[in-house]
Amino acid sequence: MQITKILYIICLIGITSCSKPKEHTAPAVNPRDSVSMMRSYGINTLISDSGVMKYRIVAEQWEVNEVRTPPRWTFKRGIFMEQFDQNFHPEAYVQADTAYYFTTKKLWHLIGNVKVKTIDGLRFNSEELFWDQNRHELYSYKFSKVISPERELQGTYFTSDERMQHYTVSNSVGSFIRDENKKDNSAPNKADTTHKDSLAPKREPITPRHK
């Protein structure tokens, strides 16, 4: 998929940036302090893949802090990640008002105006989205809307594989067939969800505390 590959690239960039040796020009920071070890502003980076420009990452501020509990990267002022085709046309993107990446847990937490578009044309909108790299899944406990070329699903629980090809929208508040030639049927219908509600996983969210 696209969201996971783009976020993986950010992880690689962060690891590379933090591993370069730097000359110390100030007294050592006490390990108990919560000072960020890296802070960058005005990030607008194009990244190539096999010699072709494939990705763009935009963030107003990026902080890396490995002494807080849990260690994290923080994008306080939003993040936008975009993938291009061979003709440099946008084909997928991820955006959020705020983003955290918890390095030891390998967990992304996107907050506020979260929007995702995949190459397959699937669109996801919510106020929150998690990506658990250990479990290889995406999930949200906030009201979410999933729009495919065929239909639109809405619900308060969303879970999916990393490629967003197999997903569940439960606690459904509506399912609508996307057909411009027919009247919109807005009556809720549990049978229209991609999976039965009773099969949706019932587990507590992995939500690190943002201290």
N, C-alpha and C. Protein backbone atom coordinates (compact mmCIF):
# COMPACT_ATOMS: atom_id res chain seq x y z
N MET A 1 0.85 -1.18 0.00
CA MET A 1 0.00 0.00 0.00
C MET A 1 0.88 1.23 0.00
N GLN A 2 0.31 2.32 0.31
CA GLN A 2 0.98 3.59 0.15
C GLN A 2 1.23 4.26 1.49
N ILE A 3 0.23 4.26 2.36
CA ILE A 3 0.40 4.92 3.66
C ILE A 3 1.55 4.30 4.43
N THR A 4 1.63 2.96 4.45
CA THR A 4 2.66 2.31 5.24
C THR A 4 4.04 2.52 4.62
N LYS A 5 4.13 2.49 3.29
CA LYS A 5 5.44 2.67 2.64
C LYS A 5 5.96 4.08 2.86
N ILE A 6 5.06 5.06 2.79
CA ILE A 6 5.48 6.45 3.02
C ILE A 6 5.95 6.64 4.45
N LEU A 7 5.21 6.08 5.42
CA LEU A 7 5.60 6.22 6.82
C LEU A 7 6.90 5.47 7.10
N TYR A 8 7.10 4.33 6.45
CA TYR A 8 8.37 3.62 6.58
C TYR A 8 9.53 4.49 6.13
N ILE A 9 9.33 5.22 5.04
CA ILE A 9 10.39 6.08 4.52
C ILE A 9 10.74 7.16 5.53
N ILE A 10 9.72 7.73 6.19
CA ILE A 10 9.99 8.73 7.22
C ILE A 10 10.82 8.12 8.34
N CYS A 11 10.49 6.88 8.72
CA CYS A 11 11.26 6.20 9.76
C CYS A 11 12.72 6.07 9.35
N LEU A 12 12.96 5.68 8.11
CA LEU A 12 14.33 5.53 7.63
C LEU A 12 15.07 6.86 7.61
N ILE A 13 14.37 7.92 7.19
CA ILE A 13 15.00 9.25 7.17
C ILE A 13 15.39 9.66 8.58
N GLY A 14 14.47 9.43 9.54
CA GLY A 14 14.75 9.82 10.92
C GLY A 14 15.92 9.06 11.51
N ILE A 15 15.98 7.74 11.23
CA ILE A 15 17.08 6.93 11.75
C ILE A 15 18.40 7.39 11.16
N THR A 16 18.42 7.66 9.86
CA THR A 16 19.65 8.12 9.20
C THR A 16 20.09 9.47 9.74
N SER A 17 19.13 10.38 9.93
CA SER A 17 19.47 11.72 10.40
C SER A 17 20.04 11.69 11.80
N CYS A 18 19.50 10.81 12.64
CA CYS A 18 19.91 10.78 14.03
C CYS A 18 21.19 9.99 14.23
N SER A 19 21.62 9.20 13.24
CA SER A 19 22.79 8.36 13.40
C SER A 19 24.08 9.04 12.96
N LYS A 20 23.97 10.21 12.31
CA LYS A 20 25.16 10.91 11.86
C LYS A 20 25.90 11.52 13.05
N PRO A 21 27.23 11.39 13.09
CA PRO A 21 27.98 11.98 14.20
C PRO A 21 27.89 13.49 14.18
N LYS A 22 27.75 14.08 15.36
CA LYS A 22 27.67 15.53 15.47
C LYS A 22 28.66 16.03 16.51
N GLU A 23 29.23 17.16 16.23
CA GLU A 23 30.18 17.76 17.16
C GLU A 23 29.41 18.43 18.29
N HIS A 24 29.83 18.14 19.54
CA HIS A 24 29.17 18.72 20.71
C HIS A 24 29.67 20.14 20.92
N THR A 25 28.75 21.08 20.92
CA THR A 25 29.12 22.48 21.11
C THR A 25 28.53 23.06 22.38
N ALA A 26 27.92 22.21 23.21
CA ALA A 26 27.31 22.65 24.46
C ALA A 26 27.46 21.56 25.49
N PRO A 27 27.29 21.89 26.76
CA PRO A 27 27.39 20.86 27.81
C PRO A 27 26.39 19.74 27.57
N ALA A 28 26.77 18.54 28.01
CA ALA A 28 25.91 17.38 27.83
C ALA A 28 24.57 17.57 28.53
N VAL A 29 23.52 17.05 27.91
CA VAL A 29 22.18 17.15 28.48
C VAL A 29 21.96 16.01 29.46
N ASN A 30 21.42 16.33 30.61
CA ASN A 30 21.12 15.30 31.59
C ASN A 30 20.10 14.33 31.00
N PRO A 31 20.32 13.00 31.12
CA PRO A 31 19.38 12.04 30.54
C PRO A 31 17.95 12.19 31.04
N ARG A 32 17.80 12.83 32.21
CA ARG A 32 16.45 12.98 32.75
C ARG A 32 15.70 14.13 32.09
N ASP A 33 16.43 14.99 31.40
CA ASP A 33 15.78 16.11 30.74
C ASP A 33 14.98 15.61 29.54
N SER A 34 13.99 16.39 29.15
CA SER A 34 13.12 16.00 28.04
C SER A 34 13.37 16.87 26.81
N VAL A 35 14.63 17.27 26.61
CA VAL A 35 14.97 18.12 25.47
C VAL A 35 15.05 17.27 24.20
N SER A 36 14.47 17.76 23.13
CA SER A 36 14.52 17.03 21.87
C SER A 36 15.95 16.97 21.35
N MET A 37 16.35 15.81 20.83
CA MET A 37 17.70 15.66 20.30
C MET A 37 17.79 16.19 18.86
N MET A 38 16.64 16.36 18.21
CA MET A 38 16.62 16.94 16.87
C MET A 38 15.32 17.70 16.68
N ARG A 39 15.41 18.88 16.09
CA ARG A 39 14.23 19.67 15.77
C ARG A 39 14.46 20.33 14.43
N SER A 40 13.59 20.03 13.47
CA SER A 40 13.71 20.58 12.13
C SER A 40 12.45 21.35 11.78
N TYR A 41 12.62 22.40 10.94
CA TYR A 41 11.49 23.24 10.55
C TYR A 41 11.41 23.31 9.03
N GLY A 42 10.20 23.55 8.54
CA GLY A 42 10.00 23.77 7.11
C GLY A 42 10.45 22.62 6.25
N ILE A 43 10.01 21.40 6.56
CA ILE A 43 10.41 20.22 5.80
C ILE A 43 9.54 20.08 4.56
N ASN A 44 10.17 20.02 3.41
CA ASN A 44 9.48 19.78 2.14
C ASN A 44 10.45 19.00 1.27
N THR A 45 10.35 17.68 1.34
CA THR A 45 11.36 16.82 0.76
C THR A 45 10.78 15.91 -0.30
N LEU A 46 11.46 15.81 -1.43
CA LEU A 46 11.12 14.86 -2.47
C LEU A 46 12.06 13.67 -2.36
N ILE A 47 11.52 12.46 -2.50
CA ILE A 47 12.31 11.24 -2.34
C ILE A 47 12.16 10.39 -3.58
N SER A 48 13.27 9.90 -4.11
CA SER A 48 13.24 9.08 -5.33
C SER A 48 13.27 7.60 -4.98
N ASP A 49 12.75 6.81 -5.89
CA ASP A 49 12.76 5.36 -5.77
C ASP A 49 13.12 4.80 -7.13
N SER A 50 14.26 4.11 -7.21
CA SER A 50 14.78 3.58 -8.49
C SER A 50 14.98 4.69 -9.51
N GLY A 51 15.45 5.83 -9.04
CA GLY A 51 15.76 6.94 -9.93
C GLY A 51 14.56 7.79 -10.33
N VAL A 52 13.39 7.49 -9.79
CA VAL A 52 12.18 8.24 -10.13
C VAL A 52 11.64 8.90 -8.86
N MET A 53 11.28 10.18 -8.96
CA MET A 53 10.69 10.87 -7.82
C MET A 53 9.34 10.24 -7.48
N LYS A 54 9.23 9.67 -6.28
CA LYS A 54 8.03 8.93 -5.93
C LYS A 54 7.26 9.51 -4.74
N TYR A 55 7.95 10.24 -3.86
CA TYR A 55 7.30 10.65 -2.62
C TYR A 55 7.63 12.11 -2.28
N ARG A 56 6.71 12.72 -1.57
CA ARG A 56 6.94 14.07 -1.03
C ARG A 56 6.45 14.09 0.42
N ILE A 57 7.28 14.65 1.28
CA ILE A 57 6.95 14.78 2.70
C ILE A 57 6.99 16.25 3.07
N VAL A 58 5.91 16.75 3.66
CA VAL A 58 5.82 18.14 4.07
C VAL A 58 5.44 18.19 5.55
N ALA A 59 6.22 18.93 6.33
CA ALA A 59 5.92 19.10 7.75
C ALA A 59 6.51 20.43 8.20
N GLU A 60 5.75 21.18 8.96
CA GLU A 60 6.24 22.47 9.43
C GLU A 60 7.26 22.31 10.55
N GLN A 61 7.10 21.25 11.35
CA GLN A 61 8.03 21.03 12.47
C GLN A 61 8.13 19.54 12.76
N TRP A 62 9.38 19.07 12.98
CA TRP A 62 9.62 17.65 13.28
C TRP A 62 10.59 17.60 14.46
N GLU A 63 10.16 16.96 15.54
CA GLU A 63 10.99 16.80 16.72
C GLU A 63 11.26 15.33 16.98
N VAL A 64 12.50 15.02 17.34
CA VAL A 64 12.88 13.66 17.73
C VAL A 64 13.32 13.71 19.18
N ASN A 65 12.66 12.93 20.02
CA ASN A 65 12.97 12.92 21.45
C ASN A 65 13.02 11.47 21.93
N GLU A 66 14.22 11.03 22.34
CA GLU A 66 14.42 9.65 22.77
C GLU A 66 14.51 9.50 24.28
N VAL A 67 14.33 10.59 25.03
CA VAL A 67 14.44 10.51 26.49
C VAL A 67 13.09 10.61 27.19
N ARG A 68 12.05 10.97 26.46
CA ARG A 68 10.71 10.98 27.04
C ARG A 68 10.17 9.55 27.11
N THR A 69 9.12 9.37 27.87
CA THR A 69 8.53 8.05 28.04
C THR A 69 7.10 8.07 27.49
N PRO A 70 6.82 7.30 26.43
CA PRO A 70 7.80 6.55 25.62
C PRO A 70 8.53 7.46 24.65
N PRO A 71 9.70 7.04 24.14
CA PRO A 71 10.42 7.85 23.14
C PRO A 71 9.54 8.07 21.91
N ARG A 72 9.70 9.24 21.27
CA ARG A 72 8.79 9.56 20.17
C ARG A 72 9.37 10.57 19.20
N TRP A 73 8.79 10.58 18.02
CA TRP A 73 8.94 11.67 17.07
C TRP A 73 7.62 12.42 17.07
N THR A 74 7.68 13.74 16.97
CA THR A 74 6.47 14.56 17.05
C THR A 74 6.38 15.51 15.87
N PHE A 75 5.24 15.52 15.24
CA PHE A 75 4.92 16.47 14.17
C PHE A 75 3.74 17.30 14.67
N LYS A 76 4.04 18.32 15.48
CA LYS A 76 3.00 19.08 16.17
C LYS A 76 2.14 19.91 15.21
N ARG A 77 2.73 20.37 14.13
CA ARG A 77 2.04 21.31 13.25
C ARG A 77 1.61 20.67 11.93
N GLY A 78 1.37 19.39 11.98
CA GLY A 78 0.82 18.71 10.82
C GLY A 78 1.85 17.96 10.01
N ILE A 79 1.35 17.03 9.21
CA ILE A 79 2.21 16.24 8.32
C ILE A 79 1.41 15.89 7.07
N PHE A 80 2.09 15.93 5.93
CA PHE A 80 1.46 15.59 4.66
C PHE A 80 2.45 14.74 3.88
N MET A 81 2.00 13.56 3.44
CA MET A 81 2.85 12.64 2.71
C MET A 81 2.14 12.24 1.43
N GLU A 82 2.85 12.29 0.32
CA GLU A 82 2.22 12.09 -0.99
C GLU A 82 3.06 11.14 -1.83
N GLN A 83 2.38 10.31 -2.61
CA GLN A 83 3.06 9.39 -3.52
C GLN A 83 2.67 9.72 -4.96
N PHE A 84 3.65 9.65 -5.87
CA PHE A 84 3.43 9.99 -7.28
C PHE A 84 3.56 8.76 -8.16
N ASP A 85 2.93 8.84 -9.35
CA ASP A 85 3.15 7.80 -10.35
C ASP A 85 4.37 8.17 -11.18
N GLN A 86 4.63 7.41 -12.24
CA GLN A 86 5.83 7.65 -13.05
C GLN A 86 5.80 8.98 -13.79
N ASN A 87 4.61 9.54 -13.96
CA ASN A 87 4.48 10.84 -14.61
C ASN A 87 4.39 11.99 -13.62
N PHE A 88 4.72 11.70 -12.39
CA PHE A 88 4.74 12.69 -11.31
C PHE A 88 3.33 13.22 -11.01
N HIS A 89 2.32 12.41 -11.23
CA HIS A 89 0.95 12.76 -10.87
C HIS A 89 0.64 12.16 -9.49
N PRO A 90 0.05 12.93 -8.57
CA PRO A 90 -0.29 12.38 -7.25
C PRO A 90 -1.28 11.22 -7.38
N GLU A 91 -1.00 10.12 -6.67
CA GLU A 91 -1.90 8.97 -6.72
C GLU A 91 -2.29 8.47 -5.33
N ALA A 92 -1.63 8.93 -4.29
CA ALA A 92 -1.98 8.53 -2.92
C ALA A 92 -1.42 9.56 -1.94
N TYR A 93 -2.07 9.70 -0.80
CA TYR A 93 -1.56 10.65 0.19
C TYR A 93 -2.07 10.29 1.60
N VAL A 94 -1.37 10.85 2.58
CA VAL A 94 -1.76 10.75 3.99
C VAL A 94 -1.55 12.13 4.60
N GLN A 95 -2.52 12.59 5.40
CA GLN A 95 -2.33 13.88 6.06
C GLN A 95 -3.00 13.85 7.43
N ALA A 96 -2.48 14.68 8.34
CA ALA A 96 -3.04 14.81 9.68
C ALA A 96 -2.56 16.12 10.29
N ASP A 97 -3.36 16.67 11.22
CA ASP A 97 -2.98 17.92 11.89
C ASP A 97 -1.83 17.72 12.85
N THR A 98 -1.74 16.54 13.45
CA THR A 98 -0.68 16.20 14.40
C THR A 98 -0.33 14.73 14.23
N ALA A 99 0.95 14.39 14.42
CA ALA A 99 1.35 12.99 14.30
C ALA A 99 2.44 12.68 15.32
N TYR A 100 2.37 11.47 15.87
CA TYR A 100 3.39 10.95 16.77
C TYR A 100 3.84 9.59 16.25
N TYR A 101 5.15 9.35 16.37
CA TYR A 101 5.66 8.02 16.11
C TYR A 101 6.43 7.57 17.33
N PHE A 102 5.94 6.51 17.99
CA PHE A 102 6.57 5.98 19.20
C PHE A 102 7.56 4.90 18.78
N THR A 103 8.85 5.23 18.87
CA THR A 103 9.89 4.42 18.25
C THR A 103 10.02 3.03 18.85
N THR A 104 9.91 2.90 20.17
CA THR A 104 10.08 1.58 20.78
C THR A 104 8.86 0.70 20.55
N LYS A 105 7.69 1.31 20.45
CA LYS A 105 6.46 0.55 20.21
C LYS A 105 6.17 0.35 18.73
N LYS A 106 6.90 1.08 17.86
CA LYS A 106 6.66 1.05 16.42
C LYS A 106 5.19 1.35 16.12
N LEU A 107 4.73 2.45 16.68
CA LEU A 107 3.33 2.81 16.57
C LEU A 107 3.19 4.25 16.11
N TRP A 108 2.44 4.46 15.02
CA TRP A 108 2.09 5.79 14.54
C TRP A 108 0.73 6.18 15.10
N HIS A 109 0.59 7.45 15.50
CA HIS A 109 -0.69 7.97 15.99
C HIS A 109 -0.96 9.28 15.25
N LEU A 110 -1.92 9.26 14.35
CA LEU A 110 -2.29 10.44 13.57
C LEU A 110 -3.56 11.04 14.18
N ILE A 111 -3.56 12.36 14.40
CA ILE A 111 -4.65 13.01 15.12
C ILE A 111 -5.11 14.24 14.34
N GLY A 112 -6.43 14.41 14.24
CA GLY A 112 -7.00 15.63 13.68
C GLY A 112 -7.01 15.68 12.18
N ASN A 113 -8.20 15.72 11.59
CA ASN A 113 -8.35 15.87 10.14
C ASN A 113 -7.51 14.84 9.39
N VAL A 114 -7.61 13.59 9.83
CA VAL A 114 -6.83 12.52 9.20
C VAL A 114 -7.50 12.12 7.88
N LYS A 115 -6.73 12.17 6.81
CA LYS A 115 -7.25 11.80 5.50
C LYS A 115 -6.24 10.89 4.80
N VAL A 116 -6.75 9.84 4.20
CA VAL A 116 -5.91 8.89 3.47
C VAL A 116 -6.57 8.59 2.14
N LYS A 117 -5.77 8.54 1.09
CA LYS A 117 -6.23 8.08 -0.21
C LYS A 117 -5.24 7.05 -0.72
N THR A 118 -5.73 5.88 -1.15
CA THR A 118 -4.86 4.83 -1.66
C THR A 118 -4.85 4.84 -3.18
N ILE A 119 -3.91 4.09 -3.74
CA ILE A 119 -3.82 3.99 -5.19
C ILE A 119 -5.10 3.38 -5.78
N ASP A 120 -5.74 2.50 -5.01
CA ASP A 120 -6.96 1.84 -5.47
C ASP A 120 -8.18 2.76 -5.44
N GLY A 121 -8.01 4.00 -4.97
CA GLY A 121 -9.13 4.94 -4.94
C GLY A 121 -9.92 4.95 -3.65
N LEU A 122 -9.49 4.18 -2.64
CA LEU A 122 -10.17 4.17 -1.35
C LEU A 122 -9.80 5.43 -0.58
N ARG A 123 -10.80 6.06 0.03
CA ARG A 123 -10.57 7.26 0.84
C ARG A 123 -11.03 7.00 2.27
N PHE A 124 -10.21 7.44 3.22
CA PHE A 124 -10.50 7.28 4.64
C PHE A 124 -10.44 8.64 5.31
N ASN A 125 -11.48 8.97 6.10
CA ASN A 125 -11.52 10.23 6.86
C ASN A 125 -11.86 9.93 8.31
N SER A 126 -11.14 10.54 9.23
CA SER A 126 -11.42 10.39 10.66
C SER A 126 -10.66 11.46 11.42
N GLU A 127 -10.89 11.50 12.73
CA GLU A 127 -10.13 12.41 13.59
C GLU A 127 -8.96 11.71 14.25
N GLU A 128 -8.81 10.41 13.99
CA GLU A 128 -7.71 9.67 14.61
C GLU A 128 -7.45 8.38 13.85
N LEU A 129 -6.18 8.01 13.74
CA LEU A 129 -5.82 6.75 13.11
C LEU A 129 -4.51 6.26 13.71
N PHE A 130 -4.47 4.97 14.04
CA PHE A 130 -3.26 4.32 14.53
C PHE A 130 -2.73 3.36 13.47
N TRP A 131 -1.40 3.25 13.39
CA TRP A 131 -0.78 2.21 12.58
C TRP A 131 0.19 1.47 13.48
N ASP A 132 -0.13 0.21 13.81
CA ASP A 132 0.70 -0.64 14.64
C ASP A 132 1.57 -1.49 13.73
N GLN A 133 2.87 -1.17 13.67
CA GLN A 133 3.77 -1.90 12.79
C GLN A 133 4.01 -3.32 13.28
N ASN A 134 3.92 -3.55 14.59
CA ASN A 134 4.13 -4.90 15.12
C ASN A 134 2.97 -5.82 14.74
N ARG A 135 1.75 -5.30 14.78
CA ARG A 135 0.58 -6.10 14.44
C ARG A 135 0.19 -5.99 12.97
N HIS A 136 0.86 -5.09 12.26
CA HIS A 136 0.60 -4.89 10.83
C HIS A 136 -0.87 -4.54 10.59
N GLU A 137 -1.37 -3.57 11.35
CA GLU A 137 -2.77 -3.18 11.18
C GLU A 137 -2.97 -1.69 11.41
N LEU A 138 -4.03 -1.17 10.83
CA LEU A 138 -4.49 0.19 11.04
C LEU A 138 -5.80 0.11 11.80
N TYR A 139 -6.04 1.08 12.71
CA TYR A 139 -7.32 1.07 13.42
C TYR A 139 -7.64 2.45 13.97
N SER A 140 -8.93 2.65 14.23
CA SER A 140 -9.41 3.92 14.78
C SER A 140 -10.62 3.65 15.65
N TYR A 141 -10.71 4.35 16.78
CA TYR A 141 -11.86 4.24 17.67
C TYR A 141 -12.71 5.51 17.61
N LYS A 142 -12.44 6.36 16.64
CA LYS A 142 -13.23 7.56 16.43
C LYS A 142 -14.14 7.35 15.20
N PHE A 143 -15.14 8.22 15.08
CA PHE A 143 -16.03 8.13 13.92
C PHE A 143 -15.20 8.20 12.64
N SER A 144 -15.41 7.24 11.76
CA SER A 144 -14.62 7.14 10.54
C SER A 144 -15.54 6.98 9.34
N LYS A 145 -15.05 7.45 8.21
CA LYS A 145 -15.78 7.31 6.94
C LYS A 145 -14.85 6.69 5.92
N VAL A 146 -15.30 5.62 5.30
CA VAL A 146 -14.53 4.93 4.27
C VAL A 146 -15.32 5.02 2.96
N ILE A 147 -14.68 5.58 1.95
CA ILE A 147 -15.35 5.78 0.67
C ILE A 147 -14.57 5.03 -0.41
N SER A 148 -15.22 4.04 -1.00
CA SER A 148 -14.63 3.31 -2.12
C SER A 148 -15.35 3.72 -3.39
N PRO A 149 -14.85 3.30 -4.55
CA PRO A 149 -15.56 3.64 -5.79
C PRO A 149 -16.99 3.09 -5.83
N GLU A 150 -17.29 2.06 -5.03
CA GLU A 150 -18.61 1.43 -5.07
C GLU A 150 -19.55 1.91 -3.97
N ARG A 151 -19.04 2.15 -2.77
CA ARG A 151 -19.93 2.48 -1.67
C ARG A 151 -19.25 3.32 -0.61
N GLU A 152 -20.04 3.81 0.33
CA GLU A 152 -19.54 4.63 1.43
C GLU A 152 -19.98 4.00 2.75
N LEU A 153 -19.04 3.80 3.67
CA LEU A 153 -19.32 3.22 4.97
C LEU A 153 -18.96 4.21 6.06
N GLN A 154 -19.77 4.23 7.12
CA GLN A 154 -19.51 5.10 8.27
C GLN A 154 -19.70 4.31 9.55
N GLY A 155 -18.82 4.54 10.52
CA GLY A 155 -18.94 3.83 11.78
C GLY A 155 -17.96 4.37 12.81
N THR A 156 -18.08 3.89 14.03
CA THR A 156 -17.25 4.40 15.13
C THR A 156 -16.09 3.48 15.46
N TYR A 157 -15.90 2.42 14.69
CA TYR A 157 -14.74 1.55 14.87
C TYR A 157 -14.26 1.09 13.50
N PHE A 158 -12.95 1.24 13.27
CA PHE A 158 -12.35 0.88 11.99
C PHE A 158 -11.09 0.08 12.24
N THR A 159 -10.92 -1.01 11.51
CA THR A 159 -9.67 -1.77 11.55
C THR A 159 -9.38 -2.29 10.15
N SER A 160 -8.10 -2.41 9.83
CA SER A 160 -7.72 -2.78 8.47
C SER A 160 -6.33 -3.38 8.45
N ASP A 161 -6.04 -4.13 7.39
CA ASP A 161 -4.66 -4.53 7.15
C ASP A 161 -3.88 -3.32 6.66
N GLU A 162 -2.56 -3.45 6.58
CA GLU A 162 -1.72 -2.30 6.23
C GLU A 162 -1.98 -1.78 4.82
N ARG A 163 -2.46 -2.61 3.94
CA ARG A 163 -2.69 -2.19 2.56
C ARG A 163 -4.09 -1.62 2.35
N MET A 164 -4.89 -1.63 3.40
CA MET A 164 -6.27 -1.15 3.33
C MET A 164 -7.07 -1.87 2.25
N GLN A 165 -6.81 -3.16 2.11
CA GLN A 165 -7.56 -3.96 1.16
C GLN A 165 -8.63 -4.81 1.85
N HIS A 166 -8.42 -5.12 3.12
CA HIS A 166 -9.37 -5.89 3.91
C HIS A 166 -9.64 -5.11 5.18
N TYR A 167 -10.81 -4.53 5.29
CA TYR A 167 -11.10 -3.66 6.42
C TYR A 167 -12.48 -3.94 6.99
N THR A 168 -12.69 -3.47 8.22
CA THR A 168 -13.95 -3.61 8.91
C THR A 168 -14.40 -2.25 9.41
N VAL A 169 -15.65 -1.91 9.18
CA VAL A 169 -16.27 -0.72 9.76
C VAL A 169 -17.45 -1.22 10.58
N SER A 170 -17.35 -1.13 11.91
CA SER A 170 -18.42 -1.64 12.76
C SER A 170 -19.07 -0.51 13.53
N ASN A 171 -20.09 -0.85 14.33
CA ASN A 171 -20.95 0.16 14.95
C ASN A 171 -21.44 1.11 13.86
N SER A 172 -21.86 0.51 12.75
CA SER A 172 -22.17 1.28 11.55
C SER A 172 -23.34 2.23 11.76
N VAL A 173 -23.20 3.44 11.21
CA VAL A 173 -24.29 4.41 11.24
C VAL A 173 -24.83 4.64 9.83
N GLY A 174 -24.28 3.91 8.86
CA GLY A 174 -24.81 4.08 7.51
C GLY A 174 -23.95 3.41 6.46
N SER A 175 -24.61 2.96 5.42
CA SER A 175 -23.92 2.39 4.27
C SER A 175 -24.67 2.86 3.04
N PHE A 176 -23.95 3.44 2.08
CA PHE A 176 -24.61 4.05 0.94
C PHE A 176 -23.97 3.56 -0.35
N ILE A 177 -24.80 3.09 -1.27
CA ILE A 177 -24.30 2.69 -2.58
C ILE A 177 -23.98 3.95 -3.37
N ARG A 178 -22.76 4.01 -3.92
CA ARG A 178 -22.35 5.19 -4.68
C ARG A 178 -22.76 5.03 -6.14
N ASP A 179 -23.95 5.54 -6.44
CA ASP A 179 -24.47 5.47 -7.81
C ASP A 179 -25.17 6.78 -8.10
N GLU A 180 -24.58 7.60 -8.94
CA GLU A 180 -25.13 8.92 -9.21
C GLU A 180 -26.46 8.84 -9.95
N ASN A 181 -26.78 7.69 -10.56
CA ASN A 181 -28.01 7.57 -11.33
C ASN A 181 -29.19 7.12 -10.48
N LYS A 182 -28.92 6.82 -9.19
CA LYS A 182 -29.98 6.38 -8.31
C LYS A 182 -30.08 7.31 -7.12
N LYS A 183 -31.26 7.32 -6.52
CA LYS A 183 -31.44 8.12 -5.32
C LYS A 183 -30.63 7.52 -4.19
N ASP A 184 -30.13 8.39 -3.32
CA ASP A 184 -29.29 7.95 -2.21
C ASP A 184 -30.14 7.29 -1.14
N ASN A 185 -29.81 6.06 -0.82
CA ASN A 185 -30.52 5.34 0.24
C ASN A 185 -29.73 5.49 1.52
N SER A 186 -30.18 6.38 2.41
CA SER A 186 -29.42 6.70 3.61
C SER A 186 -29.82 5.88 4.81
N ALA A 187 -30.70 4.90 4.67
CA ALA A 187 -31.11 4.10 5.82
C ALA A 187 -29.98 3.19 6.25
N PRO A 188 -29.64 3.16 7.54
CA PRO A 188 -28.58 2.28 8.01
C PRO A 188 -28.89 0.83 7.71
N ASN A 189 -27.87 0.09 7.32
CA ASN A 189 -28.06 -1.30 6.97
C ASN A 189 -26.80 -2.08 7.33
N LYS A 190 -26.86 -2.86 8.40
CA LYS A 190 -25.68 -3.58 8.86
C LYS A 190 -25.19 -4.57 7.82
N ALA A 191 -26.08 -5.07 7.00
CA ALA A 191 -25.67 -6.06 5.99
C ALA A 191 -24.76 -5.46 4.94
N ASP A 192 -24.71 -4.12 4.84
CA ASP A 192 -23.88 -3.47 3.83
C ASP A 192 -22.43 -3.33 4.26
N THR A 193 -22.13 -3.57 5.53
CA THR A 193 -20.75 -3.48 5.98
C THR A 193 -19.95 -4.61 5.38
N THR A 194 -18.64 -4.42 5.28
CA THR A 194 -17.81 -5.42 4.63
C THR A 194 -17.63 -6.66 5.49
N HIS A 195 -17.83 -6.55 6.80
CA HIS A 195 -17.72 -7.67 7.72
C HIS A 195 -18.86 -7.58 8.73
N LYS A 196 -19.19 -8.69 9.33
CA LYS A 196 -20.22 -8.68 10.36
C LYS A 196 -19.72 -7.96 11.60
N ASP A 197 -20.61 -7.16 12.23
CA ASP A 197 -20.21 -6.42 13.43
C ASP A 197 -19.77 -7.36 14.53
N SER A 198 -20.40 -8.52 14.65
CA SER A 198 -20.09 -9.42 15.75
C SER A 198 -18.69 -9.99 15.65
N LEU A 199 -18.07 -9.90 14.45
CA LEU A 199 -16.73 -10.42 14.27
C LEU A 199 -15.65 -9.37 14.51
N ALA A 200 -16.04 -8.13 14.76
CA ALA A 200 -15.05 -7.08 14.96
C ALA A 200 -14.28 -7.34 16.24
N PRO A 201 -12.94 -7.18 16.24
CA PRO A 201 -12.13 -7.42 17.44
C PRO A 201 -12.55 -6.51 18.58
N LYS A 202 -12.64 -7.07 19.75
CA LYS A 202 -12.98 -6.30 20.94
C LYS A 202 -11.76 -6.24 21.85
N ARG A 203 -10.91 -5.27 21.64
CA ARG A 203 -9.71 -5.13 22.46
C ARG A 203 -9.49 -3.67 22.77
N GLU A 204 -8.71 -3.44 23.81
CA GLU A 204 -8.41 -2.08 24.21
C GLU A 204 -7.41 -1.46 23.25
N PRO A 205 -7.54 -0.18 22.93
CA PRO A 205 -6.59 0.47 22.02
C PRO A 205 -5.23 0.63 22.65
N ILE A 206 -4.19 0.54 21.85
CA ILE A 206 -2.83 0.81 22.32
C ILE A 206 -2.61 2.30 22.14
N THR A 207 -2.77 3.06 23.21
CA THR A 207 -2.69 4.50 23.12
C THR A 207 -1.67 5.03 24.13
N PRO A 208 -0.40 5.23 23.73
CA PRO A 208 0.60 5.76 24.65
C PRO A 208 0.19 7.12 25.18
N ARG A 209 0.50 7.38 26.41
CA ARG A 209 0.17 8.67 27.01
C ARG A 209 1.16 9.72 26.54
N HIS A 210 0.64 10.84 26.04
CA HIS A 210 1.49 11.92 25.52
C HIS A 210 1.86 12.83 26.68
N LYS A 211 2.91 12.47 27.38
CA LYS A 211 3.33 13.27 28.53
C LYS A 211 4.07 14.53 28.08
